[in-house]
Every structure is written in C-alpha cells, then in structure tokens.
Amino acid sequence: MQRAASCTKRARHKLIGAALVVILAVMVYGIISRGWYMEEINGLFIIAALIAAVIGRLKAEDVCTNMIEGAKGVIAAAIVCGLSRGIMVILDEGSIYS
C-alpha cells in the first residue's frame, strides 16, 4: 500500500514539475514576444500555484493558508517597492528628477 502511494506521490511531483516548466516557457514566450510585464507574470505564477494545488490534491483551505503565509513573507518588500515607485513618480512629475 505504501509503495503504491509513494509511486503516486512521485508521479504527482513529476507532473507538477512538468507544469512548472510549461508555465515558465509560456512566461519566456510572453515576455519576449508579447511584451508581458509584472501583471501578466504575476498572473502566471498564481495559475502555476493553482495548477500545483490541483495536481497535488491540496484542500482549498490549505492553499489559501499557504498563499497567505507566502504573502506575509514579501509584504515588506512590496511596500518598499511601492513607496519607491511613488517617490519616483513625484520626482518625475515635479520635474525634480528626469
């Protein structure tokens, strides 16, 4: 029984890895050919997370909990990036910096 579960788990991990490779290939194509930027790339990563959750047979509650925990880890960096972009817009629009 454990051997069958291990094989199934191994197959799911390989399938998740293959899905990640496909998502990364789509991302490279989109960046090079379509001019994708942050919004599109972020969307792809969310899609990749959802695909991995479905293939990995995770519960919706576990997926949400993991996404929230992941967001907690990057919130400080996101705030710094947002503030620095705001400062750059103010400096540019005020003709202080060009």
N, C-alpha and C. Protein backbone atom coordinates (compact mmCIF):
# COMPACT_ATOMS: atom_id res chain seq x y z
N MET A 1 0.83 -1.20 0.00
CA MET A 1 0.00 0.00 0.00
C MET A 1 0.87 1.26 0.00
N GLN A 2 1.91 1.27 0.85
CA GLN A 2 2.76 2.45 0.92
C GLN A 2 3.55 2.65 -0.36
N ARG A 3 3.95 1.56 -0.99
CA ARG A 3 4.70 1.67 -2.23
C ARG A 3 3.83 2.29 -3.33
N ALA A 4 2.57 1.91 -3.41
CA ALA A 4 1.66 2.49 -4.40
C ALA A 4 1.43 3.97 -4.12
N ALA A 5 1.30 4.33 -2.86
CA ALA A 5 1.12 5.74 -2.50
C ALA A 5 2.37 6.53 -2.84
N SER A 6 3.54 5.92 -2.62
CA SER A 6 4.79 6.61 -2.92
C SER A 6 4.93 6.83 -4.42
N CYS A 7 4.56 5.83 -5.22
CA CYS A 7 4.62 5.97 -6.68
C CYS A 7 3.66 7.06 -7.15
N THR A 8 2.48 7.08 -6.58
CA THR A 8 1.50 8.09 -6.95
C THR A 8 2.01 9.48 -6.58
N LYS A 9 2.60 9.59 -5.40
CA LYS A 9 3.14 10.87 -4.95
C LYS A 9 4.29 11.31 -5.86
N ARG A 10 5.14 10.38 -6.22
CA ARG A 10 6.26 10.68 -7.10
C ARG A 10 5.75 11.13 -8.47
N ALA A 11 4.73 10.47 -8.98
CA ALA A 11 4.16 10.84 -10.27
C ALA A 11 3.54 12.24 -10.21
N ARG A 12 2.87 12.55 -9.10
CA ARG A 12 2.30 13.90 -8.96
C ARG A 12 3.39 14.95 -8.91
N HIS A 13 4.49 14.67 -8.22
CA HIS A 13 5.60 15.63 -8.16
C HIS A 13 6.19 15.86 -9.55
N LYS A 14 6.33 14.80 -10.32
CA LYS A 14 6.85 14.94 -11.68
C LYS A 14 5.88 15.75 -12.54
N LEU A 15 4.60 15.52 -12.37
CA LEU A 15 3.59 16.26 -13.13
C LEU A 15 3.60 17.74 -12.76
N ILE A 16 3.76 18.03 -11.47
CA ILE A 16 3.85 19.43 -11.03
C ILE A 16 5.10 20.08 -11.61
N GLY A 17 6.21 19.36 -11.62
CA GLY A 17 7.44 19.88 -12.21
C GLY A 17 7.28 20.17 -13.70
N ALA A 18 6.61 19.26 -14.40
CA ALA A 18 6.37 19.46 -15.83
C ALA A 18 5.47 20.68 -16.06
N ALA A 19 4.46 20.84 -15.22
CA ALA A 19 3.57 22.00 -15.34
C ALA A 19 4.35 23.29 -15.11
N LEU A 20 5.27 23.28 -14.15
CA LEU A 20 6.09 24.46 -13.88
C LEU A 20 6.96 24.80 -15.09
N VAL A 21 7.53 23.78 -15.72
CA VAL A 21 8.36 24.02 -16.91
C VAL A 21 7.51 24.65 -18.02
N VAL A 22 6.29 24.15 -18.20
CA VAL A 22 5.39 24.71 -19.23
C VAL A 22 5.06 26.16 -18.90
N ILE A 23 4.73 26.44 -17.65
CA ILE A 23 4.41 27.82 -17.24
C ILE A 23 5.60 28.74 -17.48
N LEU A 24 6.80 28.29 -17.14
CA LEU A 24 8.00 29.11 -17.36
C LEU A 24 8.25 29.34 -18.84
N ALA A 25 7.99 28.33 -19.67
CA ALA A 25 8.14 28.50 -21.11
C ALA A 25 7.14 29.52 -21.64
N VAL A 26 5.90 29.45 -21.16
CA VAL A 26 4.88 30.43 -21.56
C VAL A 26 5.31 31.83 -21.11
N MET A 27 5.89 31.93 -19.92
CA MET A 27 6.33 33.22 -19.42
C MET A 27 7.44 33.80 -20.30
N VAL A 28 8.42 32.99 -20.66
CA VAL A 28 9.51 33.47 -21.52
C VAL A 28 8.95 33.91 -22.86
N TYR A 29 8.05 33.11 -23.45
CA TYR A 29 7.43 33.48 -24.72
C TYR A 29 6.67 34.81 -24.59
N GLY A 30 5.90 34.95 -23.52
CA GLY A 30 5.12 36.17 -23.33
C GLY A 30 5.99 37.40 -23.15
N ILE A 31 7.08 37.26 -22.42
CA ILE A 31 7.98 38.39 -22.19
C ILE A 31 8.65 38.80 -23.49
N ILE A 32 9.15 37.82 -24.23
CA ILE A 32 9.90 38.12 -25.45
C ILE A 32 8.98 38.55 -26.58
N SER A 33 7.91 37.82 -26.82
CA SER A 33 7.07 38.05 -27.99
C SER A 33 5.91 39.02 -27.76
N ARG A 34 5.37 39.01 -26.56
CA ARG A 34 4.17 39.80 -26.28
C ARG A 34 4.43 41.03 -25.43
N GLY A 35 5.64 41.17 -24.92
CA GLY A 35 5.95 42.33 -24.10
C GLY A 35 5.29 42.28 -22.72
N TRP A 36 5.08 41.08 -22.19
CA TRP A 36 4.45 40.95 -20.87
C TRP A 36 5.33 41.58 -19.81
N TYR A 37 4.66 42.09 -18.77
CA TYR A 37 5.39 42.66 -17.65
C TYR A 37 4.81 42.10 -16.36
N MET A 38 4.85 42.82 -15.30
CA MET A 38 4.52 42.32 -13.97
C MET A 38 3.12 41.72 -13.85
N GLU A 39 2.11 42.37 -14.39
CA GLU A 39 0.75 41.88 -14.22
C GLU A 39 0.59 40.49 -14.82
N GLU A 40 1.09 40.30 -16.02
CA GLU A 40 0.95 39.02 -16.69
C GLU A 40 1.79 37.93 -16.01
N ILE A 41 3.00 38.31 -15.60
CA ILE A 41 3.87 37.34 -14.93
C ILE A 41 3.27 36.93 -13.59
N ASN A 42 2.73 37.88 -12.84
CA ASN A 42 2.08 37.56 -11.57
C ASN A 42 0.91 36.62 -11.79
N GLY A 43 0.13 36.88 -12.83
CA GLY A 43 -0.99 36.00 -13.15
C GLY A 43 -0.54 34.59 -13.44
N LEU A 44 0.57 34.45 -14.16
CA LEU A 44 1.09 33.12 -14.45
C LEU A 44 1.51 32.39 -13.18
N PHE A 45 2.12 33.09 -12.25
CA PHE A 45 2.53 32.44 -11.02
C PHE A 45 1.33 32.01 -10.18
N ILE A 46 0.27 32.80 -10.19
CA ILE A 46 -0.95 32.40 -9.48
C ILE A 46 -1.55 31.17 -10.15
N ILE A 47 -1.58 31.16 -11.48
CA ILE A 47 -2.08 29.99 -12.21
C ILE A 47 -1.21 28.77 -11.90
N ALA A 48 0.11 28.94 -11.86
CA ALA A 48 1.00 27.83 -11.54
C ALA A 48 0.72 27.28 -10.15
N ALA A 49 0.48 28.17 -9.18
CA ALA A 49 0.18 27.72 -7.82
C ALA A 49 -1.13 26.94 -7.78
N LEU A 50 -2.12 27.40 -8.51
CA LEU A 50 -3.41 26.70 -8.52
C LEU A 50 -3.31 25.35 -9.23
N ILE A 51 -2.55 25.30 -10.32
CA ILE A 51 -2.34 24.02 -11.01
C ILE A 51 -1.63 23.04 -10.09
N ALA A 52 -0.59 23.50 -9.39
CA ALA A 52 0.14 22.63 -8.47
C ALA A 52 -0.76 22.15 -7.34
N ALA A 53 -1.66 23.01 -6.88
CA ALA A 53 -2.58 22.63 -5.81
C ALA A 53 -3.56 21.56 -6.29
N VAL A 54 -4.05 21.70 -7.50
CA VAL A 54 -4.99 20.71 -8.04
C VAL A 54 -4.29 19.38 -8.26
N ILE A 55 -3.11 19.42 -8.87
CA ILE A 55 -2.38 18.18 -9.12
C ILE A 55 -1.95 17.53 -7.80
N GLY A 56 -1.55 18.35 -6.84
CA GLY A 56 -1.12 17.84 -5.54
C GLY A 56 -2.26 17.46 -4.62
N ARG A 57 -3.50 17.66 -5.08
CA ARG A 57 -4.71 17.31 -4.31
C ARG A 57 -4.75 18.01 -2.96
N LEU A 58 -4.40 19.28 -2.94
CA LEU A 58 -4.47 20.06 -1.71
C LEU A 58 -5.88 20.57 -1.48
N LYS A 59 -6.24 20.72 -0.23
CA LYS A 59 -7.54 21.28 0.12
C LYS A 59 -7.51 22.78 -0.12
N ALA A 60 -8.67 23.35 -0.42
CA ALA A 60 -8.76 24.80 -0.67
C ALA A 60 -8.28 25.59 0.54
N GLU A 61 -8.60 25.12 1.72
CA GLU A 61 -8.18 25.82 2.95
C GLU A 61 -6.66 25.83 3.06
N ASP A 62 -6.01 24.71 2.73
CA ASP A 62 -4.55 24.64 2.78
C ASP A 62 -3.92 25.57 1.74
N VAL A 63 -4.51 25.63 0.56
CA VAL A 63 -3.98 26.51 -0.49
C VAL A 63 -4.06 27.96 -0.03
N CYS A 64 -5.20 28.36 0.50
CA CYS A 64 -5.36 29.74 0.98
C CYS A 64 -4.40 30.06 2.11
N THR A 65 -4.26 29.14 3.05
CA THR A 65 -3.34 29.35 4.17
C THR A 65 -1.90 29.51 3.68
N ASN A 66 -1.50 28.66 2.74
CA ASN A 66 -0.13 28.75 2.21
C ASN A 66 0.08 30.04 1.43
N MET A 67 -0.91 30.49 0.66
CA MET A 67 -0.77 31.74 -0.08
C MET A 67 -0.67 32.93 0.87
N ILE A 68 -1.44 32.90 1.93
CA ILE A 68 -1.37 33.99 2.92
C ILE A 68 -0.01 34.00 3.61
N GLU A 69 0.49 32.83 3.99
CA GLU A 69 1.81 32.75 4.62
C GLU A 69 2.90 33.25 3.67
N GLY A 70 2.79 32.89 2.39
CA GLY A 70 3.76 33.37 1.41
C GLY A 70 3.71 34.87 1.23
N ALA A 71 2.50 35.42 1.23
CA ALA A 71 2.34 36.87 1.09
C ALA A 71 2.92 37.62 2.29
N LYS A 72 2.81 37.02 3.47
CA LYS A 72 3.38 37.66 4.66
C LYS A 72 4.89 37.84 4.52
N GLY A 73 5.53 36.91 3.84
CA GLY A 73 6.98 36.96 3.69
C GLY A 73 7.46 38.06 2.77
N VAL A 74 6.62 38.52 1.85
CA VAL A 74 7.08 39.51 0.87
C VAL A 74 6.40 40.87 1.01
N ILE A 75 5.55 41.02 2.01
CA ILE A 75 4.78 42.27 2.13
C ILE A 75 5.69 43.46 2.39
N ALA A 76 6.73 43.30 3.19
CA ALA A 76 7.63 44.43 3.47
C ALA A 76 8.33 44.88 2.20
N ALA A 77 8.79 43.93 1.39
CA ALA A 77 9.46 44.28 0.13
C ALA A 77 8.49 44.95 -0.82
N ALA A 78 7.24 44.49 -0.85
CA ALA A 78 6.24 45.10 -1.73
C ALA A 78 5.95 46.54 -1.32
N ILE A 79 5.90 46.80 -0.03
CA ILE A 79 5.67 48.17 0.45
C ILE A 79 6.84 49.07 0.06
N VAL A 80 8.05 48.59 0.23
CA VAL A 80 9.23 49.38 -0.14
C VAL A 80 9.22 49.69 -1.64
N CYS A 81 8.91 48.69 -2.46
CA CYS A 81 8.86 48.91 -3.91
C CYS A 81 7.77 49.92 -4.28
N GLY A 82 6.61 49.80 -3.66
CA GLY A 82 5.52 50.74 -3.94
C GLY A 82 5.87 52.16 -3.53
N LEU A 83 6.46 52.32 -2.37
CA LEU A 83 6.85 53.65 -1.91
C LEU A 83 7.94 54.25 -2.80
N SER A 84 8.91 53.44 -3.19
CA SER A 84 9.97 53.97 -4.04
C SER A 84 9.43 54.36 -5.41
N ARG A 85 8.49 53.60 -5.92
CA ARG A 85 7.87 53.97 -7.21
C ARG A 85 7.07 55.27 -7.06
N GLY A 86 6.38 55.43 -5.97
CA GLY A 86 5.65 56.67 -5.72
C GLY A 86 6.57 57.87 -5.65
N ILE A 87 7.70 57.71 -5.00
CA ILE A 87 8.68 58.80 -4.92
C ILE A 87 9.21 59.13 -6.31
N MET A 88 9.48 58.12 -7.13
CA MET A 88 9.97 58.37 -8.49
C MET A 88 8.93 59.12 -9.33
N VAL A 89 7.67 58.78 -9.18
CA VAL A 89 6.61 59.48 -9.92
C VAL A 89 6.55 60.94 -9.49
N ILE A 90 6.61 61.20 -8.19
CA ILE A 90 6.57 62.57 -7.69
C ILE A 90 7.77 63.36 -8.20
N LEU A 91 8.95 62.77 -8.15
CA LEU A 91 10.14 63.47 -8.62
C LEU A 91 10.07 63.73 -10.13
N ASP A 92 9.55 62.77 -10.88
CA ASP A 92 9.45 62.93 -12.34
C ASP A 92 8.39 63.96 -12.70
N GLU A 93 7.22 63.87 -12.10
CA GLU A 93 6.13 64.80 -12.42
C GLU A 93 6.44 66.22 -11.95
N GLY A 94 7.22 66.35 -10.90
CA GLY A 94 7.59 67.67 -10.41
C GLY A 94 8.81 68.25 -11.09
N SER A 95 9.30 67.55 -12.11
CA SER A 95 10.50 67.95 -12.85
C SER A 95 11.71 68.15 -11.93
N ILE A 96 11.72 67.39 -10.85
CA ILE A 96 12.84 67.45 -9.92
C ILE A 96 13.94 66.51 -10.41
N TYR A 97 13.54 65.42 -11.00
CA TYR A 97 14.45 64.40 -11.48
C TYR A 97 13.94 63.91 -12.84
N SER A 98 14.82 63.75 -13.77
CA SER A 98 14.36 63.24 -15.07
C SER A 98 15.30 62.19 -15.61
